[in-house]
Amino acid sequence: MNQPKTFFIVALTLLILTFINGSAMAKEKISVKGPDSTEVNDLADSIKHIIETKTFSKLNQFIKTGQTVDWGNCGPTDLEPFKLSSSKAIKRLYEYSRRIQIYINGDPEMMSVEDNSDTAVIVFDTEGWASEYPYLSFIFNYQNNHWEWRGVCYSLGPPISMAAEKEGRYEQVYKRVPTLPRPGPRIFKDPYNLRDRFKEIIKFNTLDALKPYAVKQEIILVECNREMAASGKITGTKVSSDQIINFLKTNIGASQEIKPGKGGGHDYLDTEGWQGTYPYIFFWFHESKKGWEWAGVAYCKSSLMHLLFPDEPRFK
């Protein structure tokens, strides 16, 4: 289980324990048992069927009348998860899955609640949702001899490799090669989410998947210059998205790995490792009235930091 998702579940677990320790059931010492393998398998079969058939209203069997569910980010955040009525949460699931296939990533993950063998939390990882966050994790806890749906947490990408993280590397583990471009918005509320979609397309070298993100049809293609680096804005001649994609294809080697650069902000994604004269390529975004969208591409002989500080050895 990746660390960000663990954070969300641990926080939820603390809430569960608080409820148990403060409940009348706990005070009266009523004996309950944890889930056995049959109960776990039955839940797994039910949730798999619900997701594959998109019959999300059946999730109501796992909640009490009037009960709310949590809807929040899987990663560490200062924001509390939203409390949604089950009807609103289920409505979102229908909206995010319309006319697309949703995938379940591997077997569900189960963790026991520490110091309480009668309670457990189980998580179902899914992907393919048509939202800014294509990954949703469904969280259930076993309590009072039955399963309860506690909520959903969302994330931009797949889990992080724990082995790589111990070595100081950030490496996501894909259970399957994603179908790109992903369904969902082409104009984003959060620019970092848009950046992640571009990183994913470049990672899997599916450059044609960039085309739907050119919502203006024509976008800027320009060589980097110091003025652009200083202002943080891309300006130049607009060309068709096909021209930009063809330009990118001619600058990527068959065996080359394009990597995100060491810089980057909310309004651009820097990449390096392209072949030829311009090993650095920057994907720029700008904020319109509707949200953040793809503005253009700048190709560079050196990094933006070298353009700004040409005499600084560390930027050469």
Protein backbone atom coordinates (compact mmCIF):
# COMPACT_ATOMS: atom_id res chain seq x y z
CA MET A 1 0.00 0.00 0.00
CA ASN A 2 1.42 3.37 -0.88
CA GLN A 3 2.28 5.84 1.84
CA PRO A 4 -0.23 8.58 0.90
CA LYS A 5 -3.15 6.16 0.91
CA THR A 6 -1.94 4.71 4.21
CA PHE A 7 -2.13 8.23 5.65
CA PHE A 8 -5.80 8.53 4.71
CA ILE A 9 -6.64 5.07 6.07
CA VAL A 10 -4.76 5.58 9.33
CA ALA A 11 -6.72 8.77 9.92
CA LEU A 12 -9.94 6.92 9.20
CA THR A 13 -8.85 4.07 11.48
CA LEU A 14 -8.40 6.49 14.38
CA LEU A 15 -11.97 7.67 13.87
CA ILE A 16 -13.17 4.06 13.91
CA LEU A 17 -11.32 3.33 17.15
CA THR A 18 -12.67 6.49 18.73
CA PHE A 19 -16.18 5.39 17.86
CA ILE A 20 -15.59 1.88 19.23
CA ASN A 21 -14.01 3.01 22.49
CA GLY A 22 -16.74 5.55 23.13
CA SER A 23 -19.71 3.41 22.14
CA ALA A 24 -22.19 1.67 24.35
CA MET A 25 -21.13 -1.60 22.77
CA ALA A 26 -17.55 -1.13 24.00
CA LYS A 27 -18.69 -0.20 27.49
CA GLU A 28 -20.89 -3.26 27.73
CA LYS A 29 -18.06 -5.53 26.51
CA ILE A 30 -20.19 -7.20 23.85
CA SER A 31 -18.08 -9.86 22.13
CA VAL A 32 -17.62 -9.61 18.38
CA LYS A 33 -15.28 -11.36 15.97
CA GLY A 34 -13.15 -10.12 13.11
CA PRO A 35 -13.90 -11.03 9.49
CA ASP A 36 -13.02 -14.53 8.32
CA SER A 37 -11.81 -15.36 4.82
CA THR A 38 -15.31 -16.14 3.59
CA GLU A 39 -16.60 -12.73 4.67
CA VAL A 40 -13.63 -11.00 3.02
CA ASN A 41 -14.10 -12.95 -0.22
CA ASP A 42 -17.85 -12.28 -0.24
CA LEU A 43 -17.23 -8.54 0.11
CA ALA A 44 -14.58 -8.65 -2.62
CA ASP A 45 -16.96 -10.43 -5.00
CA SER A 46 -19.75 -7.93 -4.26
CA ILE A 47 -17.60 -4.84 -4.78
CA LYS A 48 -16.03 -6.27 -7.94
CA HIS A 49 -19.51 -6.91 -9.36
CA ILE A 50 -20.73 -3.43 -8.39
CA ILE A 51 -17.77 -1.71 -10.05
CA GLU A 52 -17.72 -3.86 -13.18
CA THR A 53 -21.48 -3.46 -13.74
CA LYS A 54 -21.55 0.16 -12.49
CA THR A 55 -24.44 -0.59 -10.16
CA PHE A 56 -23.18 1.83 -7.52
CA SER A 57 -26.57 2.19 -5.85
CA LYS A 58 -25.92 -1.28 -4.39
CA LEU A 59 -23.33 0.35 -2.12
CA ASN A 60 -26.29 1.49 -0.02
CA GLN A 61 -26.43 -2.01 1.48
CA PHE A 62 -23.17 -1.20 3.28
CA ILE A 63 -24.33 2.00 4.99
CA LYS A 64 -27.01 2.95 7.48
CA THR A 65 -29.89 5.18 6.51
CA GLY A 66 -28.78 8.81 6.68
CA GLN A 67 -25.11 7.93 7.14
CA THR A 68 -22.52 10.09 5.36
CA VAL A 69 -19.36 8.85 3.67
CA ASP A 70 -15.91 10.46 3.47
CA TRP A 71 -14.61 11.78 0.14
CA GLY A 72 -11.06 13.10 0.26
CA ASN A 73 -7.51 13.06 -1.05
CA CYS A 74 -5.55 9.85 -0.46
CA GLY A 75 -2.39 11.82 0.30
CA PRO A 76 -1.40 13.96 3.28
CA THR A 77 -3.39 17.18 3.26
CA ASP A 78 -4.47 19.90 5.64
CA LEU A 79 -8.02 19.59 4.32
CA GLU A 80 -10.56 17.39 6.03
CA PRO A 81 -12.37 14.94 3.72
CA PHE A 82 -15.80 16.03 2.56
CA LYS A 83 -18.78 14.44 4.24
CA LEU A 84 -21.19 13.43 1.51
CA SER A 85 -24.55 11.78 1.66
CA SER A 86 -24.46 8.35 0.09
CA SER A 87 -26.71 9.58 -2.71
CA LYS A 88 -24.28 12.39 -3.65
CA ALA A 89 -21.28 10.06 -3.50
CA ILE A 90 -23.02 7.49 -5.67
CA LYS A 91 -24.09 10.20 -8.11
CA ARG A 92 -20.42 11.21 -8.50
CA LEU A 93 -19.45 7.61 -9.23
CA TYR A 94 -22.05 7.41 -11.99
CA GLU A 95 -20.90 10.75 -13.44
CA TYR A 96 -17.22 9.75 -13.40
CA SER A 97 -17.84 6.35 -15.05
CA ARG A 98 -20.25 7.22 -17.85
CA ARG A 99 -19.47 5.37 -21.11
CA ILE A 100 -16.03 4.20 -19.93
CA GLN A 101 -14.50 1.11 -18.37
CA ILE A 102 -13.38 1.13 -14.76
CA TYR A 103 -10.60 -1.22 -13.70
CA ILE A 104 -9.92 -2.84 -10.34
CA ASN A 105 -6.19 -2.82 -9.67
CA GLY A 106 -5.19 -6.10 -8.08
CA ASP A 107 -6.56 -7.77 -4.98
CA PRO A 108 -8.05 -5.68 -2.17
CA GLU A 109 -5.71 -4.68 0.62
CA MET A 110 -6.71 -5.39 4.20
CA MET A 111 -5.20 -4.04 7.38
CA SER A 112 -6.21 -4.85 10.94
CA VAL A 113 -6.93 -2.01 13.30
CA GLU A 114 -4.11 -2.01 15.81
CA ASP A 115 -5.00 -3.30 19.30
CA ASN A 116 -8.48 -4.26 18.12
CA SER A 117 -8.71 -7.66 16.43
CA ASP A 118 -12.46 -7.27 15.97
CA THR A 119 -12.10 -4.43 13.47
CA ALA A 120 -10.41 -4.34 10.07
CA VAL A 121 -10.16 -1.98 7.11
CA ILE A 122 -10.19 -3.18 3.50
CA VAL A 123 -9.37 -1.07 0.44
CA PHE A 124 -10.27 -1.58 -3.22
CA ASP A 125 -8.07 0.34 -5.68
CA THR A 126 -9.68 1.32 -8.98
CA GLU A 127 -8.72 3.46 -11.97
CA GLY A 128 -10.09 4.90 -15.17
CA TRP A 129 -12.49 7.47 -13.74
CA ALA A 130 -13.33 10.50 -15.86
CA SER A 131 -12.22 13.14 -13.39
CA GLU A 132 -9.07 15.11 -12.64
CA TYR A 133 -8.22 12.19 -10.35
CA PRO A 134 -8.42 8.92 -12.32
CA TYR A 135 -7.70 6.72 -9.29
CA LEU A 136 -10.34 6.07 -6.61
CA SER A 137 -9.93 3.82 -3.56
CA PHE A 138 -13.05 2.42 -1.89
CA ILE A 139 -12.66 1.97 1.87
CA PHE A 140 -14.68 -0.39 4.04
CA ASN A 141 -14.34 -1.30 7.68
CA TYR A 142 -15.53 -4.42 9.48
CA GLN A 143 -17.30 -3.58 12.70
CA ASN A 144 -20.07 -5.15 14.79
CA ASN A 145 -19.93 -8.30 12.64
CA HIS A 146 -20.62 -6.56 9.33
CA TRP A 147 -18.96 -4.44 6.65
CA GLU A 148 -19.54 -0.69 6.41
CA TRP A 149 -18.66 1.58 3.49
CA ARG A 150 -16.66 4.44 5.00
CA GLY A 151 -15.78 6.44 1.91
CA VAL A 152 -13.60 7.08 -1.12
CA CYS A 153 -10.18 8.65 -1.47
CA TYR A 154 -8.85 9.92 -4.80
CA SER A 155 -5.35 10.22 -6.25
CA LEU A 156 -3.62 11.36 -9.44
CA GLY A 157 -1.58 8.24 -10.05
CA PRO A 158 -0.84 4.68 -8.99
CA PRO A 159 0.89 3.67 -5.74
CA ILE A 160 4.50 4.57 -5.09
CA SER A 161 7.12 1.81 -5.01
CA MET A 162 8.13 1.41 -1.36
CA ALA A 163 11.49 -0.09 -2.39
CA ALA A 164 12.27 2.89 -4.59
CA GLU A 165 11.12 5.30 -1.91
CA LYS A 166 13.61 3.81 0.56
CA GLU A 167 16.32 4.59 -1.97
CA GLY A 168 15.10 8.17 -2.26
CA ARG A 169 13.45 7.67 -5.66
CA TYR A 170 9.87 8.49 -6.61
CA GLU A 171 8.64 5.60 -8.76
CA GLN A 172 5.00 4.83 -9.39
CA VAL A 173 3.92 1.22 -9.89
CA TYR A 174 1.45 0.77 -12.73
CA LYS A 175 -0.64 -2.39 -12.52
CA ARG A 176 -1.54 -1.97 -16.19
CA VAL A 177 -0.58 0.30 -19.06
CA PRO A 178 -3.20 3.06 -19.00
CA THR A 179 -5.34 3.87 -22.02
CA LEU A 180 -4.27 7.36 -23.05
CA PRO A 181 -5.54 9.98 -23.28
CA ARG A 182 -7.49 9.28 -20.14
CA PRO A 183 -11.17 10.13 -20.12
CA GLY A 184 -12.16 13.24 -18.25
CA PRO A 185 -11.50 16.96 -18.49
CA ARG A 186 -9.13 18.67 -20.89
CA ILE A 187 -9.27 21.94 -18.93
CA PHE A 188 -8.32 21.50 -15.27
CA LYS A 189 -9.09 23.25 -12.01
CA ASP A 190 -5.66 22.30 -10.64
CA PRO A 191 -2.62 22.89 -12.92
CA TYR A 192 -0.61 20.19 -11.15
CA ASN A 193 -3.22 17.64 -12.18
CA LEU A 194 -2.86 18.74 -15.81
CA ARG A 195 0.93 18.43 -15.50
CA ASP A 196 0.54 14.85 -14.30
CA ARG A 197 -1.51 13.91 -17.34
CA PHE A 198 1.31 15.19 -19.58
CA LYS A 199 3.97 13.38 -17.54
CA GLU A 200 2.05 10.15 -17.98
CA ILE A 201 1.66 10.58 -21.75
CA ILE A 202 5.38 11.27 -22.12
CA LYS A 203 6.30 8.35 -19.84
CA PHE A 204 4.46 5.90 -22.09
CA ASN A 205 5.51 7.69 -25.31
CA THR A 206 1.93 8.09 -26.52
CA LEU A 207 2.41 11.56 -27.95
CA ASP A 208 -0.75 11.46 -30.07
CA ALA A 209 -2.66 11.43 -26.78
CA LEU A 210 -1.63 15.09 -26.32
CA LYS A 211 -3.91 16.25 -29.12
CA PRO A 212 -7.21 16.41 -27.17
CA TYR A 213 -5.54 18.75 -24.67
CA ALA A 214 -5.02 21.37 -27.38
CA VAL A 215 -8.47 22.82 -26.76
CA LYS A 216 -7.67 25.95 -28.77
CA GLN A 217 -6.59 23.82 -31.79
CA GLU A 218 -3.55 26.07 -32.31
CA ILE A 219 -0.90 26.48 -29.62
CA ILE A 220 2.53 28.06 -29.37
CA LEU A 221 5.74 26.40 -30.58
CA VAL A 222 8.87 28.45 -29.90
CA GLU A 223 12.56 28.14 -29.09
CA CYS A 224 13.45 29.07 -25.51
CA ASN A 225 14.85 32.51 -24.82
CA ARG A 226 15.97 34.40 -21.77
CA GLU A 227 13.00 36.79 -21.82
CA MET A 228 10.59 33.87 -21.65
CA ALA A 229 12.54 32.28 -18.81
CA ALA A 230 12.57 35.55 -16.87
CA SER A 231 8.87 36.33 -17.35
CA GLY A 232 7.64 32.77 -16.86
CA LYS A 233 5.32 33.16 -19.85
CA ILE A 234 5.39 31.58 -23.29
CA THR A 235 4.88 33.80 -26.33
CA GLY A 236 5.37 33.13 -29.99
CA THR A 237 3.83 31.80 -33.17
CA LYS A 238 0.85 29.47 -32.90
CA VAL A 239 0.75 26.25 -34.89
CA SER A 240 -1.56 23.25 -35.06
CA SER A 241 -1.36 20.54 -32.45
CA ASP A 242 -0.44 18.08 -35.23
CA GLN A 243 2.66 20.15 -36.03
CA ILE A 244 3.72 20.13 -32.39
CA ILE A 245 3.18 16.40 -32.01
CA ASN A 246 5.15 15.71 -35.20
CA PHE A 247 7.95 17.94 -33.90
CA LEU A 248 8.03 15.97 -30.64
CA LYS A 249 8.07 12.64 -32.48
CA THR A 250 11.11 13.68 -34.52
CA ASN A 251 12.95 14.54 -31.32
CA ILE A 252 12.38 11.34 -29.38
CA GLY A 253 14.69 8.39 -29.92
CA ALA A 254 13.42 4.83 -30.14
CA SER A 255 15.26 3.80 -26.98
CA GLN A 256 15.43 7.15 -25.23
CA GLU A 257 13.79 7.77 -21.89
CA ILE A 258 12.35 11.23 -21.44
CA LYS A 259 12.40 12.34 -17.84
CA PRO A 260 10.89 15.25 -15.92
CA GLY A 261 13.51 17.90 -15.27
CA LYS A 262 14.65 19.19 -11.92
CA GLY A 263 12.61 22.36 -12.17
CA GLY A 264 8.98 22.91 -12.99
CA GLY A 265 6.21 24.99 -11.56
CA HIS A 266 2.47 25.06 -11.66
CA ASP A 267 2.51 26.61 -15.13
CA TYR A 268 5.00 24.37 -16.95
CA LEU A 269 6.44 20.85 -17.09
CA ASP A 270 10.11 20.64 -17.97
CA THR A 271 11.44 17.46 -19.57
CA GLU A 272 14.90 16.39 -20.63
CA GLY A 273 16.51 13.61 -22.63
CA TRP A 274 15.21 14.48 -26.10
CA GLN A 275 17.55 13.72 -29.00
CA GLY A 276 19.12 16.23 -31.34
CA THR A 277 19.86 19.91 -30.84
CA TYR A 278 17.17 20.52 -28.24
CA PRO A 279 17.44 18.06 -25.33
CA TYR A 280 15.13 20.15 -23.12
CA ILE A 281 11.44 20.60 -23.94
CA PHE A 282 8.98 22.55 -21.82
CA PHE A 283 5.21 22.13 -21.86
CA TRP A 284 3.55 25.37 -20.83
CA PHE A 285 0.08 25.88 -19.33
CA HIS A 286 -1.97 28.99 -18.72
CA GLU A 287 -5.11 29.83 -16.81
CA SER A 288 -8.17 30.83 -18.82
CA LYS A 289 -11.61 31.74 -17.55
CA LYS A 290 -12.55 28.06 -17.68
CA GLY A 291 -9.43 26.75 -15.95
CA TRP A 292 -5.90 25.56 -16.74
CA GLU A 293 -5.13 24.44 -20.29
CA TRP A 294 -2.21 23.61 -22.56
CA ALA A 295 -0.63 26.80 -23.97
CA GLY A 296 2.36 25.56 -25.93
CA VAL A 297 5.79 23.98 -26.19
CA ALA A 298 9.23 25.56 -25.89
CA TYR A 299 12.31 23.66 -27.06
CA CYS A 300 15.68 24.49 -25.54
CA LYS A 301 19.38 23.80 -25.98
CA SER A 302 19.87 24.21 -22.23
CA SER A 303 17.75 24.40 -19.11
CA LEU A 304 15.78 27.53 -18.26
CA MET A 305 18.01 28.06 -15.23
CA HIS A 306 21.05 28.12 -17.51
CA LEU A 307 19.34 30.75 -19.66
CA LEU A 308 18.77 32.86 -16.56
CA PHE A 309 22.18 32.23 -15.00
CA PRO A 310 24.59 31.32 -17.85
CA ASP A 311 27.69 31.83 -15.71
CA GLU A 312 26.51 29.61 -12.86
CA PRO A 313 28.40 26.26 -13.09
CA ARG A 314 25.67 24.16 -11.44
CA PHE A 315 23.16 25.12 -14.16
CA LYS A 316 25.37 24.18 -17.10
